[in-house]
Amino acid sequence: MSDILDKKKIRKVFRNVQKHLSIAQLIRRFSTNKEDIRKAALNGVNLSRCRSVLELGCAFGAFTEALRNKLHDGATITGVDIISEYKPFFLDACRRAGYEGTFLSSGIEKIKKIPSGFFDLVICSYALYFFPEIIPEIARIMKPSGFFITITHSSNDMREIVDIVKRILGRHHASGTNRSLPIEIIFDQFSAENGESLLQPFFKTIEAIDFKNTLVFQSQEIRYFMDYFQFKKSFFLSEQDANNQTIIRQLFKELQETLSKNQMVSMCKDDRIFICSQPSTGKDSP
């Protein structure tokens, strides 16, 4: 698992910021649920007194931008991400949101040096499964009145592609259909299904909100689907399999056959929002 979660491999997938931005736009375009999940996560939460904000795994600051008009006028937002290329994009997001911003690329371990009770608000979207071990530290650095809001995928996310990949790998490896793909291992770290149990020792109040969504690609939109898969490829295949052209050709052929047969490909993109408050050390939890 450490190989799958290696920082170098994560950087390789996400350091092309423009490609990441285009994939985010692609997801919005082909989603059946057109609501902005980050705005949905903030609905009904009074953040008007929040002055100090931390976004973990901030990337280009999509969650930060959703905070526009939500925080205290004098709020400052700190973004943390291991990919330094995101810095100008995150700072631009802060400006669009109307707040002062700071970017740190020193890695998530940096929060261990932050004083206890420092932040009014900590946010994290689609990243906590890379570092769930940091949850106790998140609770520690929050003010007693603070909030931690995080968004994560369901373990069934992209299940349709996972099943196709496993069938193809089964033809090439005896354990192909039984072994977990990298993306399954990553999501098992923190998902819609196990997220609450991982958060409960460190937060006395947790609200979970389901966000149902499906990506739908029509047959004439296959190139967009392939773009999406290419971006995520290393989360589905080991490095060896990703470089095996026979496997890649078979995979693309089966995806194209699915499109041709059904005139579309649909893919689960269900997520869950967790809104956490009343942080604790974990020692005094029931």
C-alpha atoms as a PDB file:
ATOM      1  CA  MET A   1       0.000   0.000   0.000  1.00  0.00           C
ATOM      2  CA  SER A   2       2.871   2.374   0.683  1.00  0.00           C
ATOM      3  CA  ASP A   3       3.859   2.022  -2.981  1.00  0.00           C
ATOM      4  CA  ILE A   4       0.351   3.059  -4.101  1.00  0.00           C
ATOM      5  CA  LEU A   5       0.358   6.065  -1.789  1.00  0.00           C
ATOM      6  CA  ASP A   6       3.921   7.099  -2.685  1.00  0.00           C
ATOM      7  CA  LYS A   7       4.151  10.886  -2.962  1.00  0.00           C
ATOM      8  CA  LYS A   8       6.078  10.665  -6.232  1.00  0.00           C
ATOM      9  CA  LYS A   9       3.233   8.725  -7.844  1.00  0.00           C
ATOM     10  CA  ILE A  10       0.619  11.128  -6.521  1.00  0.00           C
ATOM     11  CA  ARG A  11       2.639  14.059  -7.888  1.00  0.00           C
ATOM     12  CA  LYS A  12       2.900  12.315 -11.266  1.00  0.00           C
ATOM     13  CA  VAL A  13      -0.888  12.146 -11.568  1.00  0.00           C
ATOM     14  CA  PHE A  14      -1.767  15.616 -10.326  1.00  0.00           C
ATOM     15  CA  ARG A  15       1.166  17.928 -11.106  1.00  0.00           C
ATOM     16  CA  ASN A  16      -0.210  18.752 -14.568  1.00  0.00           C
ATOM     17  CA  VAL A  17      -2.470  21.473 -13.191  1.00  0.00           C
ATOM     18  CA  GLN A  18      -4.078  22.389 -16.499  1.00  0.00           C
ATOM     19  CA  LYS A  19      -4.978  18.746 -17.142  1.00  0.00           C
ATOM     20  CA  HIS A  20      -6.397  18.430 -13.624  1.00  0.00           C
ATOM     21  CA  LEU A  21      -8.485  21.553 -14.220  1.00  0.00           C
ATOM     22  CA  SER A  22      -9.785  20.186 -17.536  1.00  0.00           C
ATOM     23  CA  ILE A  23     -10.736  16.876 -15.892  1.00  0.00           C
ATOM     24  CA  ALA A  24     -12.598  18.748 -13.134  1.00  0.00           C
ATOM     25  CA  GLN A  25     -14.524  20.612 -15.837  1.00  0.00           C
ATOM     26  CA  LEU A  26     -15.166  17.327 -17.652  1.00  0.00           C
ATOM     27  CA  ILE A  27     -16.652  15.804 -14.490  1.00  0.00           C
ATOM     28  CA  ARG A  28     -19.005  18.758 -14.065  1.00  0.00           C
ATOM     29  CA  ARG A  29     -20.040  18.564 -17.715  1.00  0.00           C
ATOM     30  CA  PHE A  30     -20.962  14.877 -17.659  1.00  0.00           C
ATOM     31  CA  SER A  31     -22.437  14.701 -14.153  1.00  0.00           C
ATOM     32  CA  THR A  32     -26.160  14.063 -13.767  1.00  0.00           C
ATOM     33  CA  ASN A  33     -26.081  16.066 -10.511  1.00  0.00           C
ATOM     34  CA  LYS A  34     -25.292  19.633 -11.537  1.00  0.00           C
ATOM     35  CA  GLU A  35     -25.082  21.034  -8.002  1.00  0.00           C
ATOM     36  CA  ASP A  36     -21.651  22.165  -6.824  1.00  0.00           C
ATOM     37  CA  ILE A  37     -20.842  19.678  -4.052  1.00  0.00           C
ATOM     38  CA  ARG A  38     -18.526  22.104  -2.271  1.00  0.00           C
ATOM     39  CA  LYS A  39     -21.270  24.717  -2.072  1.00  0.00           C
ATOM     40  CA  ALA A  40     -23.657  22.001  -0.914  1.00  0.00           C
ATOM     41  CA  ALA A  41     -21.197  21.117   1.859  1.00  0.00           C
ATOM     42  CA  LEU A  42     -21.258  24.709   3.139  1.00  0.00           C
ATOM     43  CA  ASN A  43     -25.020  25.207   3.029  1.00  0.00           C
ATOM     44  CA  GLY A  44     -26.528  25.625   6.476  1.00  0.00           C
ATOM     45  CA  VAL A  45     -23.173  25.989   8.253  1.00  0.00           C
ATOM     46  CA  ASN A  46     -22.638  29.412   9.828  1.00  0.00           C
ATOM     47  CA  LEU A  47     -19.011  30.279   9.150  1.00  0.00           C
ATOM     48  CA  SER A  48     -19.348  34.039   9.520  1.00  0.00           C
ATOM     49  CA  ARG A  49     -17.069  34.130  12.577  1.00  0.00           C
ATOM     50  CA  CYS A  50     -14.326  32.038  10.989  1.00  0.00           C
ATOM     51  CA  ARG A  51     -11.107  34.024  10.606  1.00  0.00           C
ATOM     52  CA  SER A  52      -8.468  31.290  10.276  1.00  0.00           C
ATOM     53  CA  VAL A  53      -9.021  28.590   7.635  1.00  0.00           C
ATOM     54  CA  LEU A  54      -6.912  25.649   6.475  1.00  0.00           C
ATOM     55  CA  GLU A  55      -7.506  23.699   3.253  1.00  0.00           C
ATOM     56  CA  LEU A  56      -5.712  20.355   3.179  1.00  0.00           C
ATOM     57  CA  GLY A  57      -4.821  18.877  -0.210  1.00  0.00           C
ATOM     58  CA  CYS A  58      -6.000  22.192  -1.622  1.00  0.00           C
ATOM     59  CA  ALA A  59      -4.934  21.673  -5.265  1.00  0.00           C
ATOM     60  CA  PHE A  60      -6.210  24.703  -7.223  1.00  0.00           C
ATOM     61  CA  GLY A  61      -8.504  25.835  -4.404  1.00  0.00           C
ATOM     62  CA  ALA A  62     -11.958  24.777  -5.587  1.00  0.00           C
ATOM     63  CA  PHE A  63     -13.199  24.356  -1.998  1.00  0.00           C
ATOM     64  CA  THR A  64     -11.640  27.651  -0.948  1.00  0.00           C
ATOM     65  CA  GLU A  65     -13.396  29.470  -3.791  1.00  0.00           C
ATOM     66  CA  ALA A  66     -16.750  28.113  -2.553  1.00  0.00           C
ATOM     67  CA  LEU A  67     -16.150  30.037   0.715  1.00  0.00           C
ATOM     68  CA  ARG A  68     -16.853  33.367  -0.971  1.00  0.00           C
ATOM     69  CA  ASN A  69     -19.082  35.534   1.278  1.00  0.00           C
ATOM     70  CA  LYS A  70     -19.166  32.753   3.906  1.00  0.00           C
ATOM     71  CA  LEU A  71     -16.328  33.808   6.269  1.00  0.00           C
ATOM     72  CA  HIS A  72     -15.461  36.794   8.441  1.00  0.00           C
ATOM     73  CA  ASP A  73     -14.338  39.697   6.243  1.00  0.00           C
ATOM     74  CA  GLY A  74     -10.829  39.530   7.718  1.00  0.00           C
ATOM     75  CA  ALA A  75     -10.392  35.793   7.215  1.00  0.00           C
ATOM     76  CA  THR A  76      -7.138  34.289   5.964  1.00  0.00           C
ATOM     77  CA  ILE A  77      -6.891  30.910   4.224  1.00  0.00           C
ATOM     78  CA  THR A  78      -3.865  28.608   4.220  1.00  0.00           C
ATOM     79  CA  GLY A  79      -3.648  25.953   1.515  1.00  0.00           C
ATOM     80  CA  VAL A  80      -1.454  22.871   1.873  1.00  0.00           C
ATOM     81  CA  ASP A  81      -0.553  20.598  -1.030  1.00  0.00           C
ATOM     82  CA  ILE A  82       2.549  18.576  -1.896  1.00  0.00           C
ATOM     83  CA  ILE A  83       2.432  19.834  -5.478  1.00  0.00           C
ATOM     84  CA  SER A  84       4.023  23.273  -5.603  1.00  0.00           C
ATOM     85  CA  GLU A  85       2.644  23.957  -9.101  1.00  0.00           C
ATOM     86  CA  TYR A  86      -0.757  24.618  -7.541  1.00  0.00           C
ATOM     87  CA  LYS A  87       0.427  27.715  -5.666  1.00  0.00           C
ATOM     88  CA  PRO A  88      -0.549  30.467  -8.151  1.00  0.00           C
ATOM     89  CA  PHE A  89      -3.882  28.774  -8.868  1.00  0.00           C
ATOM     90  CA  PHE A  90      -4.717  28.463  -5.168  1.00  0.00           C
ATOM     91  CA  LEU A  91      -3.779  32.080  -4.458  1.00  0.00           C
ATOM     92  CA  ASP A  92      -5.965  33.170  -7.380  1.00  0.00           C
ATOM     93  CA  ALA A  93      -8.835  31.182  -5.854  1.00  0.00           C
ATOM     94  CA  CYS A  94      -8.311  33.024  -2.562  1.00  0.00           C
ATOM     95  CA  ARG A  95      -8.474  36.357  -4.369  1.00  0.00           C
ATOM     96  CA  ARG A  96     -11.677  35.359  -6.168  1.00  0.00           C
ATOM     97  CA  ALA A  97     -13.152  34.296  -2.834  1.00  0.00           C
ATOM     98  CA  GLY A  98     -12.183  37.680  -1.390  1.00  0.00           C
ATOM     99  CA  TYR A  99      -9.717  36.536   1.277  1.00  0.00           C
ATOM    100  CA  GLU A 100      -5.983  36.682   1.946  1.00  0.00           C
ATOM    101  CA  GLY A 101      -4.231  33.431   1.085  1.00  0.00           C
ATOM    102  CA  THR A 102      -1.034  31.529   1.888  1.00  0.00           C
ATOM    103  CA  PHE A 103       0.221  28.353   0.230  1.00  0.00           C
ATOM    104  CA  LEU A 104       2.450  25.666   1.761  1.00  0.00           C
ATOM    105  CA  SER A 105       3.958  22.837  -0.289  1.00  0.00           C
ATOM    106  CA  SER A 106       5.879  21.158   2.522  1.00  0.00           C
ATOM    107  CA  GLY A 107       3.452  18.257   2.901  1.00  0.00           C
ATOM    108  CA  ILE A 108       0.663  17.335   5.260  1.00  0.00           C
ATOM    109  CA  GLU A 109       3.079  16.595   8.112  1.00  0.00           C
ATOM    110  CA  LYS A 110       3.434  20.364   8.463  1.00  0.00           C
ATOM    111  CA  ILE A 111       0.252  20.542  10.517  1.00  0.00           C
ATOM    112  CA  LYS A 112       1.962  18.672  13.352  1.00  0.00           C
ATOM    113  CA  LYS A 113       3.887  21.903  14.038  1.00  0.00           C
ATOM    114  CA  ILE A 114       0.738  24.058  14.150  1.00  0.00           C
ATOM    115  CA  PRO A 115      -0.315  25.133  17.681  1.00  0.00           C
ATOM    116  CA  SER A 116      -3.372  23.448  19.177  1.00  0.00           C
ATOM    117  CA  GLY A 117      -6.691  25.249  18.763  1.00  0.00           C
ATOM    118  CA  PHE A 118      -5.418  27.486  15.955  1.00  0.00           C
ATOM    119  CA  PHE A 119      -8.014  27.165  13.153  1.00  0.00           C
ATOM    120  CA  ASP A 120     -11.687  28.070  13.064  1.00  0.00           C
ATOM    121  CA  LEU A 121     -12.254  25.938   9.978  1.00  0.00           C
ATOM    122  CA  VAL A 122     -10.447  23.063   8.273  1.00  0.00           C
ATOM    123  CA  ILE A 123     -11.659  21.856   4.867  1.00  0.00           C
ATOM    124  CA  CYS A 124     -10.552  18.981   2.664  1.00  0.00           C
ATOM    125  CA  SER A 125     -12.133  17.620  -0.517  1.00  0.00           C
ATOM    126  CA  TYR A 126     -11.131  14.386  -2.230  1.00  0.00           C
ATOM    127  CA  ALA A 127      -7.796  14.085  -0.481  1.00  0.00           C
ATOM    128  CA  LEU A 128      -8.222  12.710   3.041  1.00  0.00           C
ATOM    129  CA  TYR A 129      -7.928   9.119   1.770  1.00  0.00           C
ATOM    130  CA  PHE A 130      -4.273   9.914   1.034  1.00  0.00           C
ATOM    131  CA  PHE A 131      -3.525  10.808   4.686  1.00  0.00           C
ATOM    132  CA  PRO A 132      -6.281   9.589   7.084  1.00  0.00           C
ATOM    133  CA  GLU A 133      -3.679   9.172   9.829  1.00  0.00           C
ATOM    134  CA  ILE A 134      -3.714  12.954  10.201  1.00  0.00           C
ATOM    135  CA  ILE A 135      -7.323  13.062  11.522  1.00  0.00           C
ATOM    136  CA  PRO A 136      -6.226  13.343  15.197  1.00  0.00           C
ATOM    137  CA  GLU A 137      -4.022  16.303  14.266  1.00  0.00           C
ATOM    138  CA  ILE A 138      -6.911  17.992  12.468  1.00  0.00           C
ATOM    139  CA  ALA A 139      -8.985  17.787  15.653  1.00  0.00           C
ATOM    140  CA  ARG A 140      -6.058  19.076  17.709  1.00  0.00           C
ATOM    141  CA  ILE A 141      -5.445  22.219  15.650  1.00  0.00           C
ATOM    142  CA  MET A 142      -9.142  23.175  15.587  1.00  0.00           C
ATOM    143  CA  LYS A 143     -10.681  25.650  17.990  1.00  0.00           C
ATOM    144  CA  PRO A 144     -13.357  24.113  20.270  1.00  0.00           C
ATOM    145  CA  SER A 145     -15.993  26.056  18.306  1.00  0.00           C
ATOM    146  CA  GLY A 146     -14.478  25.156  14.943  1.00  0.00           C
ATOM    147  CA  PHE A 147     -15.581  22.974  12.043  1.00  0.00           C
ATOM    148  CA  PHE A 148     -13.935  20.320   9.934  1.00  0.00           C
ATOM    149  CA  ILE A 149     -15.706  19.782   6.604  1.00  0.00           C
ATOM    150  CA  THR A 150     -14.509  17.016   4.315  1.00  0.00           C
ATOM    151  CA  ILE A 151     -15.781  15.459   1.097  1.00  0.00           C
ATOM    152  CA  THR A 152     -14.906  11.956  -0.036  1.00  0.00           C
ATOM    153  CA  HIS A 153     -15.910   9.314  -2.561  1.00  0.00           C
ATOM    154  CA  SER A 154     -18.057   6.256  -2.060  1.00  0.00           C
ATOM    155  CA  SER A 155     -16.174   2.964  -2.210  1.00  0.00           C
ATOM    156  CA  ASN A 156     -18.382   2.237  -5.259  1.00  0.00           C
ATOM    157  CA  ASP A 157     -16.942   5.213  -7.105  1.00  0.00           C
ATOM    158  CA  MET A 158     -16.163   4.251 -10.719  1.00  0.00           C
ATOM    159  CA  ARG A 159     -17.182   0.661  -9.923  1.00  0.00           C
ATOM    160  CA  GLU A 160     -18.122   0.056 -13.568  1.00  0.00           C
ATOM    161  CA  ILE A 161     -14.553   0.731 -14.745  1.00  0.00           C
ATOM    162  CA  VAL A 162     -13.087  -1.183 -11.805  1.00  0.00           C
ATOM    163  CA  ASP A 163     -15.042  -4.305 -12.835  1.00  0.00           C
ATOM    164  CA  ILE A 164     -13.924  -4.029 -16.473  1.00  0.00           C
ATOM    165  CA  VAL A 165     -10.278  -3.567 -15.466  1.00  0.00           C
ATOM    166  CA  LYS A 166     -10.436  -6.558 -13.135  1.00  0.00           C
ATOM    167  CA  ARG A 167     -11.877  -8.787 -15.856  1.00  0.00           C
ATOM    168  CA  ILE A 168      -9.078  -7.844 -18.231  1.00  0.00           C
ATOM    169  CA  LEU A 169      -6.386  -8.277 -15.588  1.00  0.00           C
ATOM    170  CA  GLY A 170      -7.887 -11.688 -14.811  1.00  0.00           C
ATOM    171  CA  ARG A 171      -6.965 -12.788 -18.322  1.00  0.00           C
ATOM    172  CA  HIS A 172      -3.334 -11.815 -17.711  1.00  0.00           C
ATOM    173  CA  HIS A 173      -2.857 -12.571 -14.014  1.00  0.00           C
ATOM    174  CA  ALA A 174      -4.215 -15.463 -11.989  1.00  0.00           C
ATOM    175  CA  SER A 175      -5.174 -13.078  -9.179  1.00  0.00           C
ATOM    176  CA  GLY A 176      -6.517 -10.362 -11.484  1.00  0.00           C
ATOM    177  CA  THR A 177     -10.182 -10.508 -10.491  1.00  0.00           C
ATOM    178  CA  ASN A 178      -9.464 -11.030  -6.794  1.00  0.00           C
ATOM    179  CA  ARG A 179      -6.758  -8.505  -6.005  1.00  0.00           C
ATOM    180  CA  SER A 180      -7.688  -4.951  -5.115  1.00  0.00           C
ATOM    181  CA  LEU A 181      -6.871  -2.222  -7.595  1.00  0.00           C
ATOM    182  CA  PRO A 182      -4.887   0.798  -6.361  1.00  0.00           C
ATOM    183  CA  ILE A 183      -8.020   2.953  -6.414  1.00  0.00           C
ATOM    184  CA  GLU A 184      -9.886   0.476  -4.193  1.00  0.00           C
ATOM    185  CA  ILE A 185      -7.070   0.473  -1.670  1.00  0.00           C
ATOM    186  CA  ILE A 186      -6.952   4.271  -1.656  1.00  0.00           C
ATOM    187  CA  PHE A 187     -10.704   4.615  -1.122  1.00  0.00           C
ATOM    188  CA  ASP A 188     -10.611   2.006   1.654  1.00  0.00           C
ATOM    189  CA  GLN A 189      -8.420   4.482   3.548  1.00  0.00           C
ATOM    190  CA  PHE A 190     -11.305   6.961   3.935  1.00  0.00           C
ATOM    191  CA  SER A 191     -14.632   6.630   2.126  1.00  0.00           C
ATOM    192  CA  ALA A 192     -18.320   7.410   2.441  1.00  0.00           C
ATOM    193  CA  GLU A 193     -18.756   4.004   4.039  1.00  0.00           C
ATOM    194  CA  ASN A 194     -16.037   4.083   6.723  1.00  0.00           C
ATOM    195  CA  GLY A 195     -15.441   7.820   7.114  1.00  0.00           C
ATOM    196  CA  GLU A 196     -17.760   8.364  10.060  1.00  0.00           C
ATOM    197  CA  SER A 197     -16.218   5.542  12.100  1.00  0.00           C
ATOM    198  CA  LEU A 198     -12.744   7.011  11.490  1.00  0.00           C
ATOM    199  CA  LEU A 199     -13.872  10.495  12.522  1.00  0.00           C
ATOM    200  CA  GLN A 200     -15.967   9.548  15.572  1.00  0.00           C
ATOM    201  CA  PRO A 201     -13.091   9.182  18.067  1.00  0.00           C
ATOM    202  CA  PHE A 202     -12.057  12.787  17.434  1.00  0.00           C
ATOM    203  CA  PHE A 203     -15.324  14.691  16.917  1.00  0.00           C
ATOM    204  CA  LYS A 204     -18.378  14.630  19.169  1.00  0.00           C
ATOM    205  CA  THR A 205     -20.729  15.848  16.453  1.00  0.00           C
ATOM    206  CA  ILE A 206     -20.680  14.536  12.873  1.00  0.00           C
ATOM    207  CA  GLU A 207     -23.271  15.232  10.193  1.00  0.00           C
ATOM    208  CA  ALA A 208     -23.113  13.060   7.077  1.00  0.00           C
ATOM    209  CA  ILE A 209     -24.722  14.209   3.826  1.00  0.00           C
ATOM    210  CA  ASP A 210     -24.939  11.961   0.769  1.00  0.00           C
ATOM    211  CA  PHE A 211     -24.351  13.458  -2.659  1.00  0.00           C
ATOM    212  CA  LYS A 212     -25.655  11.123  -5.356  1.00  0.00           C
ATOM    213  CA  ASN A 213     -24.149  11.482  -8.811  1.00  0.00           C
ATOM    214  CA  THR A 214     -23.457   9.571 -12.015  1.00  0.00           C
ATOM    215  CA  LEU A 215     -21.171  10.351 -14.923  1.00  0.00           C
ATOM    216  CA  VAL A 216     -22.849   9.595 -18.255  1.00  0.00           C
ATOM    217  CA  PHE A 217     -20.973   9.545 -21.574  1.00  0.00           C
ATOM    218  CA  GLN A 218     -22.870   9.032 -24.825  1.00  0.00           C
ATOM    219  CA  SER A 219     -21.288   7.002 -27.642  1.00  0.00           C
ATOM    220  CA  GLN A 220     -20.189  10.123 -29.522  1.00  0.00           C
ATOM    221  CA  GLU A 221     -18.434  11.364 -26.387  1.00  0.00           C
ATOM    222  CA  ILE A 222     -15.983   8.472 -26.089  1.00  0.00           C
ATOM    223  CA  ARG A 223     -12.916  10.724 -26.378  1.00  0.00           C
ATOM    224  CA  TYR A 224     -13.923  12.563 -23.216  1.00  0.00           C
ATOM    225  CA  PHE A 225     -14.371   9.290 -21.408  1.00  0.00           C
ATOM    226  CA  MET A 226     -10.943   8.137 -22.568  1.00  0.00           C
ATOM    227  CA  ASP A 227      -9.418  11.429 -21.403  1.00  0.00           C
ATOM    228  CA  TYR A 228     -10.909  10.811 -17.984  1.00  0.00           C
ATOM    229  CA  PHE A 229      -9.572   7.277 -17.814  1.00  0.00           C
ATOM    230  CA  GLN A 230      -6.103   8.275 -19.031  1.00  0.00           C
ATOM    231  CA  PHE A 231      -5.871  10.857 -16.239  1.00  0.00           C
ATOM    232  CA  LYS A 232      -6.848   8.250 -13.627  1.00  0.00           C
ATOM    233  CA  LYS A 233      -5.016   5.309 -15.227  1.00  0.00           C
ATOM    234  CA  SER A 234      -2.308   4.910 -12.587  1.00  0.00           C
ATOM    235  CA  PHE A 235      -5.014   4.557  -9.916  1.00  0.00           C
ATOM    236  CA  PHE A 236      -6.475   1.585 -11.786  1.00  0.00           C
ATOM    237  CA  LEU A 237      -3.324  -0.187 -12.955  1.00  0.00           C
ATOM    238  CA  SER A 238       0.057  -1.012 -11.505  1.00  0.00           C
ATOM    239  CA  GLU A 239       2.994   0.609 -13.261  1.00  0.00           C
ATOM    240  CA  GLN A 240       3.803  -2.685 -14.960  1.00  0.00           C
ATOM    241  CA  ASP A 241       0.242  -3.172 -16.231  1.00  0.00           C
ATOM    242  CA  ALA A 242      -0.063   0.472 -17.299  1.00  0.00           C
ATOM    243  CA  ASN A 243       2.967  -0.064 -19.552  1.00  0.00           C
ATOM    244  CA  ASN A 244       1.571  -3.321 -20.980  1.00  0.00           C
ATOM    245  CA  GLN A 245       0.163  -2.265 -24.344  1.00  0.00           C
ATOM    246  CA  THR A 246      -1.806  -5.507 -24.741  1.00  0.00           C
ATOM    247  CA  ILE A 247      -3.712  -4.791 -21.533  1.00  0.00           C
ATOM    248  CA  ILE A 248      -4.303  -1.150 -22.520  1.00  0.00           C
ATOM    249  CA  ARG A 249      -5.576  -2.128 -25.985  1.00  0.00           C
ATOM    250  CA  GLN A 250      -7.942  -4.724 -24.531  1.00  0.00           C
ATOM    251  CA  LEU A 251      -9.165  -2.267 -21.944  1.00  0.00           C
ATOM    252  CA  PHE A 252      -9.923   0.445 -24.510  1.00  0.00           C
ATOM    253  CA  LYS A 253     -11.557  -2.129 -26.801  1.00  0.00           C
ATOM    254  CA  GLU A 254     -13.886  -3.321 -24.048  1.00  0.00           C
ATOM    255  CA  LEU A 255     -14.759   0.220 -23.054  1.00  0.00           C
ATOM    256  CA  GLN A 256     -15.560   1.031 -26.675  1.00  0.00           C
ATOM    257  CA  GLU A 257     -17.673  -2.136 -26.997  1.00  0.00           C
ATOM    258  CA  THR A 258     -19.620  -1.128 -23.900  1.00  0.00           C
ATOM    259  CA  LEU A 259     -20.259   2.276 -25.434  1.00  0.00           C
ATOM    260  CA  SER A 260     -21.290   0.741 -28.755  1.00  0.00           C
ATOM    261  CA  LYS A 261     -23.608  -1.817 -27.160  1.00  0.00           C
ATOM    262  CA  ASN A 262     -25.353   0.507 -24.731  1.00  0.00           C
ATOM    263  CA  GLN A 263     -24.855   3.761 -26.647  1.00  0.00           C
ATOM    264  CA  MET A 264     -23.493   5.156 -23.405  1.00  0.00           C
ATOM    265  CA  VAL A 265     -21.270   4.472 -20.419  1.00  0.00           C
ATOM    266  CA  SER A 266     -22.499   5.406 -16.961  1.00  0.00           C
ATOM    267  CA  MET A 267     -20.271   5.500 -13.935  1.00  0.00           C
ATOM    268  CA  CYS A 268     -21.036   5.868 -10.231  1.00  0.00           C
ATOM    269  CA  LYS A 269     -19.709   9.120  -8.738  1.00  0.00           C
ATOM    270  CA  ASP A 270     -21.500   9.064  -5.378  1.00  0.00           C
ATOM    271  CA  ASP A 271     -19.844  11.118  -2.628  1.00  0.00           C
ATOM    272  CA  ARG A 272     -20.435  11.947   1.021  1.00  0.00           C
ATOM    273  CA  ILE A 273     -19.931  15.170   2.946  1.00  0.00           C
ATOM    274  CA  PHE A 274     -18.903  15.048   6.614  1.00  0.00           C
ATOM    275  CA  ILE A 275     -19.413  18.150   8.751  1.00  0.00           C
ATOM    276  CA  CYS A 276     -17.572  17.692  12.048  1.00  0.00           C
ATOM    277  CA  SER A 277     -17.563  19.852  15.167  1.00  0.00           C
ATOM    278  CA  GLN A 278     -16.692  19.687  18.875  1.00  0.00           C
ATOM    279  CA  PRO A 279     -13.175  18.290  18.375  1.00  0.00           C
ATOM    280  CA  SER A 280     -11.705  16.075  21.075  1.00  0.00           C
ATOM    281  CA  THR A 281      -8.440  14.301  21.723  1.00  0.00           C
ATOM    282  CA  GLY A 282     -10.040  10.920  21.287  1.00  0.00           C
ATOM    283  CA  LYS A 283      -9.260   9.992  24.897  1.00  0.00           C
ATOM    284  CA  ASP A 284     -12.470  11.443  26.243  1.00  0.00           C
ATOM    285  CA  SER A 285     -14.729  10.011  23.527  1.00  0.00           C
ATOM    286  CA  PRO A 286     -17.251   7.324  24.510  1.00  0.00           C
END
